[in-house]
């Protein structure tokens, strides 16, 4: 199955072993869909994917926490950790949990109304890209400065593992 930019997919269980292999942590027990937002500039077979969830399942306390992050000044990295937008329903995007993925680890498309879902809302896409770019830039600079990952999933550890697999 070819990955479509801004398409929503479910990942194979095998992918989570890649995260574990590089010392990352993934706490997704719900098997959330991911949006394959944009291909990597280094290798177009690798997509930056954002896990998503249904906003309607959030408690008032969870919503308050999300709003606190999202309403932080844009100069603060934590303002990029989450985003709320509409797909086929009101969704939350867990941007700080961004993952590099390849077609090999796509299990199936996310289907709504008998069709694969591809996000077409340009404003949503622009905002997701902006936030993902900040997260990735921070992770890369932190990795260079400290020699270890800042985000629990070890974004670039996974990325380098996928690069080796695609060679």
C-alpha atoms as a PDB file:
ATOM      1  CA  UNK A   1       0.000   0.000   0.000  1.00  0.00           C
ATOM      2  CA  UNK A   2       1.460   3.357  -1.008  1.00  0.00           C
ATOM      3  CA  UNK A   3       1.473   6.019   1.690  1.00  0.00           C
ATOM      4  CA  UNK A   4      -0.495   9.129   0.751  1.00  0.00           C
ATOM      5  CA  UNK A   5       0.557  12.475   2.154  1.00  0.00           C
ATOM      6  CA  UNK A   6      -1.912  13.578   4.873  1.00  0.00           C
ATOM      7  CA  UNK A   7      -3.538  10.135   4.822  1.00  0.00           C
ATOM      8  CA  UNK A   8      -4.563   8.481   8.068  1.00  0.00           C
ATOM      9  CA  UNK A   9      -3.417   4.945   8.830  1.00  0.00           C
ATOM     10  CA  UNK A  10      -3.061   2.325  11.514  1.00  0.00           C
ATOM     11  CA  UNK A  11       0.410   0.949  12.187  1.00  0.00           C
ATOM     12  CA  UNK A  12       1.372  -2.706  12.430  1.00  0.00           C
ATOM     13  CA  UNK A  13       2.248  -4.036  15.852  1.00  0.00           C
ATOM     14  CA  UNK A  14       5.785  -4.744  14.533  1.00  0.00           C
ATOM     15  CA  UNK A  15       6.470  -1.029  14.465  1.00  0.00           C
ATOM     16  CA  UNK A  16       6.362  -0.788  18.232  1.00  0.00           C
ATOM     17  CA  UNK A  17       9.233  -3.278  18.447  1.00  0.00           C
ATOM     18  CA  UNK A  18      11.333  -0.830  16.372  1.00  0.00           C
ATOM     19  CA  UNK A  19      10.642   1.869  18.969  1.00  0.00           C
ATOM     20  CA  UNK A  20      11.646  -0.506  21.749  1.00  0.00           C
ATOM     21  CA  UNK A  21      14.749  -1.641  19.816  1.00  0.00           C
ATOM     22  CA  UNK A  22      16.128   1.921  19.762  1.00  0.00           C
ATOM     23  CA  UNK A  23      15.370   2.483  23.440  1.00  0.00           C
ATOM     24  CA  UNK A  24      12.208   4.490  22.857  1.00  0.00           C
ATOM     25  CA  UNK A  25       8.976   4.297  24.761  1.00  0.00           C
ATOM     26  CA  UNK A  26       5.526   4.238  23.207  1.00  0.00           C
ATOM     27  CA  UNK A  27       2.570   4.185  25.535  1.00  0.00           C
ATOM     28  CA  UNK A  28      -0.101   3.749  22.876  1.00  0.00           C
ATOM     29  CA  UNK A  29      -2.167   0.821  24.074  1.00  0.00           C
ATOM     30  CA  UNK A  30      -5.239   1.967  22.143  1.00  0.00           C
ATOM     31  CA  UNK A  31      -3.782   1.441  18.654  1.00  0.00           C
ATOM     32  CA  UNK A  32      -4.406   5.019  17.590  1.00  0.00           C
ATOM     33  CA  UNK A  33      -4.446   6.068  13.964  1.00  0.00           C
ATOM     34  CA  UNK A  34      -1.625   8.259  12.673  1.00  0.00           C
ATOM     35  CA  UNK A  35      -1.612  10.938  10.005  1.00  0.00           C
ATOM     36  CA  UNK A  36       1.268  10.469   7.563  1.00  0.00           C
ATOM     37  CA  UNK A  37       1.851  14.192   7.381  1.00  0.00           C
ATOM     38  CA  UNK A  38       4.873  14.792   5.218  1.00  0.00           C
ATOM     39  CA  UNK A  39       7.710  12.750   3.712  1.00  0.00           C
ATOM     40  CA  UNK A  40      11.208  13.218   5.069  1.00  0.00           C
ATOM     41  CA  UNK A  41      13.457  15.456   2.998  1.00  0.00           C
ATOM     42  CA  UNK A  42      16.257  12.905   3.357  1.00  0.00           C
ATOM     43  CA  UNK A  43      14.256   9.863   2.228  1.00  0.00           C
ATOM     44  CA  UNK A  44      10.774  10.256   0.735  1.00  0.00           C
ATOM     45  CA  UNK A  45       9.909   6.671   1.768  1.00  0.00           C
ATOM     46  CA  UNK A  46       9.880   7.813   5.399  1.00  0.00           C
ATOM     47  CA  UNK A  47       6.899   9.874   6.546  1.00  0.00           C
ATOM     48  CA  UNK A  48       6.574  11.954   9.693  1.00  0.00           C
ATOM     49  CA  UNK A  49       3.427  10.588  11.318  1.00  0.00           C
ATOM     50  CA  UNK A  50       1.398  12.053  14.166  1.00  0.00           C
ATOM     51  CA  UNK A  51      -0.675   9.819  16.451  1.00  0.00           C
ATOM     52  CA  UNK A  52      -4.271  10.990  16.836  1.00  0.00           C
ATOM     53  CA  UNK A  53      -7.199  10.391  19.117  1.00  0.00           C
ATOM     54  CA  UNK A  54     -10.871  11.162  19.440  1.00  0.00           C
ATOM     55  CA  UNK A  55     -11.334  14.430  21.316  1.00  0.00           C
ATOM     56  CA  UNK A  56     -14.803  13.475  22.589  1.00  0.00           C
ATOM     57  CA  UNK A  57     -13.288  10.855  24.930  1.00  0.00           C
ATOM     58  CA  UNK A  58     -11.400  13.488  26.945  1.00  0.00           C
ATOM     59  CA  UNK A  59     -12.419  14.340  30.490  1.00  0.00           C
ATOM     60  CA  UNK A  60     -12.777  18.000  31.519  1.00  0.00           C
ATOM     61  CA  UNK A  61      -9.459  17.700  33.382  1.00  0.00           C
ATOM     62  CA  UNK A  62      -7.723  16.334  30.266  1.00  0.00           C
ATOM     63  CA  UNK A  63      -9.212  19.097  28.118  1.00  0.00           C
ATOM     64  CA  UNK A  64      -7.998  21.697  30.606  1.00  0.00           C
ATOM     65  CA  UNK A  65      -4.478  20.240  30.436  1.00  0.00           C
ATOM     66  CA  UNK A  66      -4.507  20.208  26.624  1.00  0.00           C
ATOM     67  CA  UNK A  67      -5.722  23.798  26.479  1.00  0.00           C
ATOM     68  CA  UNK A  68      -2.989  24.841  28.889  1.00  0.00           C
ATOM     69  CA  UNK A  69      -0.372  23.450  26.509  1.00  0.00           C
ATOM     70  CA  UNK A  70      -2.004  24.738  23.326  1.00  0.00           C
ATOM     71  CA  UNK A  71      -2.572  28.211  24.787  1.00  0.00           C
ATOM     72  CA  UNK A  72       1.044  28.578  25.864  1.00  0.00           C
ATOM     73  CA  UNK A  73       2.917  31.379  24.081  1.00  0.00           C
ATOM     74  CA  UNK A  74       3.970  30.255  20.588  1.00  0.00           C
ATOM     75  CA  UNK A  75       7.574  30.894  21.576  1.00  0.00           C
ATOM     76  CA  UNK A  76       7.350  27.980  24.034  1.00  0.00           C
ATOM     77  CA  UNK A  77       7.919  24.492  22.635  1.00  0.00           C
ATOM     78  CA  UNK A  78       5.094  23.047  24.734  1.00  0.00           C
ATOM     79  CA  UNK A  79       2.607  25.024  22.624  1.00  0.00           C
ATOM     80  CA  UNK A  80       3.444  22.529  19.863  1.00  0.00           C
ATOM     81  CA  UNK A  81       2.837  19.328  21.827  1.00  0.00           C
ATOM     82  CA  UNK A  82      -0.852  18.987  20.862  1.00  0.00           C
ATOM     83  CA  UNK A  83      -3.366  20.277  18.372  1.00  0.00           C
ATOM     84  CA  UNK A  84      -7.131  19.913  18.112  1.00  0.00           C
ATOM     85  CA  UNK A  85      -8.748  19.872  14.674  1.00  0.00           C
ATOM     86  CA  UNK A  86     -11.376  18.168  12.586  1.00  0.00           C
ATOM     87  CA  UNK A  87     -10.837  15.072  10.490  1.00  0.00           C
ATOM     88  CA  UNK A  88     -13.980  12.971  10.152  1.00  0.00           C
ATOM     89  CA  UNK A  89     -14.611  14.092  13.759  1.00  0.00           C
ATOM     90  CA  UNK A  90     -13.019  16.394  16.309  1.00  0.00           C
ATOM     91  CA  UNK A  91      -9.560  14.926  16.875  1.00  0.00           C
ATOM     92  CA  UNK A  92      -6.537  15.551  19.021  1.00  0.00           C
ATOM     93  CA  UNK A  93      -3.115  15.301  17.424  1.00  0.00           C
ATOM     94  CA  UNK A  94      -0.332  14.142  19.754  1.00  0.00           C
ATOM     95  CA  UNK A  95       2.396  16.073  17.960  1.00  0.00           C
ATOM     96  CA  UNK A  96       5.118  15.559  20.548  1.00  0.00           C
ATOM     97  CA  UNK A  97       4.685  11.804  19.888  1.00  0.00           C
ATOM     98  CA  UNK A  98       5.603  12.234  16.189  1.00  0.00           C
ATOM     99  CA  UNK A  99       7.058   9.106  14.616  1.00  0.00           C
ATOM    100  CA  UNK A 100       8.893   8.365  11.396  1.00  0.00           C
ATOM    101  CA  UNK A 101       7.141   5.515   9.557  1.00  0.00           C
ATOM    102  CA  UNK A 102       7.476   3.628   6.299  1.00  0.00           C
ATOM    103  CA  UNK A 103       5.012   1.741   4.148  1.00  0.00           C
ATOM    104  CA  UNK A 104       6.366  -1.502   5.629  1.00  0.00           C
ATOM    105  CA  UNK A 105       4.727  -0.647   8.964  1.00  0.00           C
ATOM    106  CA  UNK A 106       1.329   0.468   7.654  1.00  0.00           C
ATOM    107  CA  UNK A 107      -1.332  -2.085   8.533  1.00  0.00           C
ATOM    108  CA  UNK A 108      -4.338  -0.422   6.949  1.00  0.00           C
ATOM    109  CA  UNK A 109      -6.000   2.848   6.067  1.00  0.00           C
ATOM    110  CA  UNK A 110      -8.326   4.679   8.428  1.00  0.00           C
ATOM    111  CA  UNK A 111     -11.788   4.455   6.854  1.00  0.00           C
ATOM    112  CA  UNK A 112     -14.724   6.791   7.471  1.00  0.00           C
ATOM    113  CA  UNK A 113     -17.917   6.922   5.411  1.00  0.00           C
ATOM    114  CA  UNK A 114     -16.591   3.969   3.360  1.00  0.00           C
ATOM    115  CA  UNK A 115     -13.524   5.932   2.181  1.00  0.00           C
ATOM    116  CA  UNK A 116      -9.896   6.273   3.289  1.00  0.00           C
ATOM    117  CA  UNK A 117      -9.482   9.539   5.184  1.00  0.00           C
ATOM    118  CA  UNK A 118      -7.039  12.097   3.820  1.00  0.00           C
ATOM    119  CA  UNK A 119      -6.925  15.473   5.545  1.00  0.00           C
ATOM    120  CA  UNK A 120      -7.594  18.275   3.092  1.00  0.00           C
ATOM    121  CA  UNK A 121      -8.072  21.235   5.455  1.00  0.00           C
ATOM    122  CA  UNK A 122      -5.165  23.497   4.445  1.00  0.00           C
ATOM    123  CA  UNK A 123      -5.170  25.483   7.694  1.00  0.00           C
ATOM    124  CA  UNK A 124      -4.981  22.297   9.747  1.00  0.00           C
ATOM    125  CA  UNK A 125      -2.165  20.915   7.592  1.00  0.00           C
ATOM    126  CA  UNK A 126      -0.171  24.153   7.844  1.00  0.00           C
ATOM    127  CA  UNK A 127      -0.500  24.208  11.626  1.00  0.00           C
ATOM    128  CA  UNK A 128       0.409  20.529  12.010  1.00  0.00           C
ATOM    129  CA  UNK A 129       3.464  21.026   9.793  1.00  0.00           C
ATOM    130  CA  UNK A 130       4.551  24.083  11.774  1.00  0.00           C
ATOM    131  CA  UNK A 131       4.306  22.247  15.065  1.00  0.00           C
ATOM    132  CA  UNK A 132       5.977  19.063  13.804  1.00  0.00           C
ATOM    133  CA  UNK A 133       8.836  21.125  12.372  1.00  0.00           C
ATOM    134  CA  UNK A 134       9.435  22.746  15.759  1.00  0.00           C
ATOM    135  CA  UNK A 135       9.346  19.390  17.564  1.00  0.00           C
ATOM    136  CA  UNK A 136      11.785  17.816  15.093  1.00  0.00           C
ATOM    137  CA  UNK A 137      14.141  20.810  15.179  1.00  0.00           C
ATOM    138  CA  UNK A 138      14.171  20.765  18.969  1.00  0.00           C
ATOM    139  CA  UNK A 139      14.771  17.018  19.097  1.00  0.00           C
ATOM    140  CA  UNK A 140      17.641  17.292  16.630  1.00  0.00           C
ATOM    141  CA  UNK A 141      19.328  20.154  18.503  1.00  0.00           C
ATOM    142  CA  UNK A 142      18.832  18.441  21.881  1.00  0.00           C
ATOM    143  CA  UNK A 143      20.314  15.240  20.492  1.00  0.00           C
ATOM    144  CA  UNK A 144      23.372  17.131  19.215  1.00  0.00           C
ATOM    145  CA  UNK A 145      23.842  19.028  22.476  1.00  0.00           C
ATOM    146  CA  UNK A 146      23.103  16.257  24.988  1.00  0.00           C
ATOM    147  CA  UNK A 147      23.778  13.082  23.006  1.00  0.00           C
ATOM    148  CA  UNK A 148      20.375  11.644  23.876  1.00  0.00           C
ATOM    149  CA  UNK A 149      16.748  12.007  22.839  1.00  0.00           C
ATOM    150  CA  UNK A 150      14.474  14.527  24.538  1.00  0.00           C
ATOM    151  CA  UNK A 151      11.187  12.898  23.511  1.00  0.00           C
ATOM    152  CA  UNK A 152      10.395   9.454  24.942  1.00  0.00           C
ATOM    153  CA  UNK A 153       9.890   7.692  21.615  1.00  0.00           C
ATOM    154  CA  UNK A 154      13.477   8.513  20.468  1.00  0.00           C
ATOM    155  CA  UNK A 155      12.393  10.070  17.169  1.00  0.00           C
ATOM    156  CA  UNK A 156      15.768  10.045  15.435  1.00  0.00           C
ATOM    157  CA  UNK A 157      16.724   6.624  16.787  1.00  0.00           C
ATOM    158  CA  UNK A 158      13.649   5.261  14.994  1.00  0.00           C
ATOM    159  CA  UNK A 159      14.443   7.381  11.944  1.00  0.00           C
ATOM    160  CA  UNK A 160      17.984   6.011  11.616  1.00  0.00           C
ATOM    161  CA  UNK A 161      16.706   2.458  12.107  1.00  0.00           C
ATOM    162  CA  UNK A 162      14.212   2.994   9.248  1.00  0.00           C
ATOM    163  CA  UNK A 163      16.952   4.479   7.052  1.00  0.00           C
ATOM    164  CA  UNK A 164      18.974   1.292   7.536  1.00  0.00           C
ATOM    165  CA  UNK A 165      15.942  -0.812   6.642  1.00  0.00           C
ATOM    166  CA  UNK A 166      15.303   1.135   3.414  1.00  0.00           C
ATOM    167  CA  UNK A 167      18.879   0.735   2.119  1.00  0.00           C
END
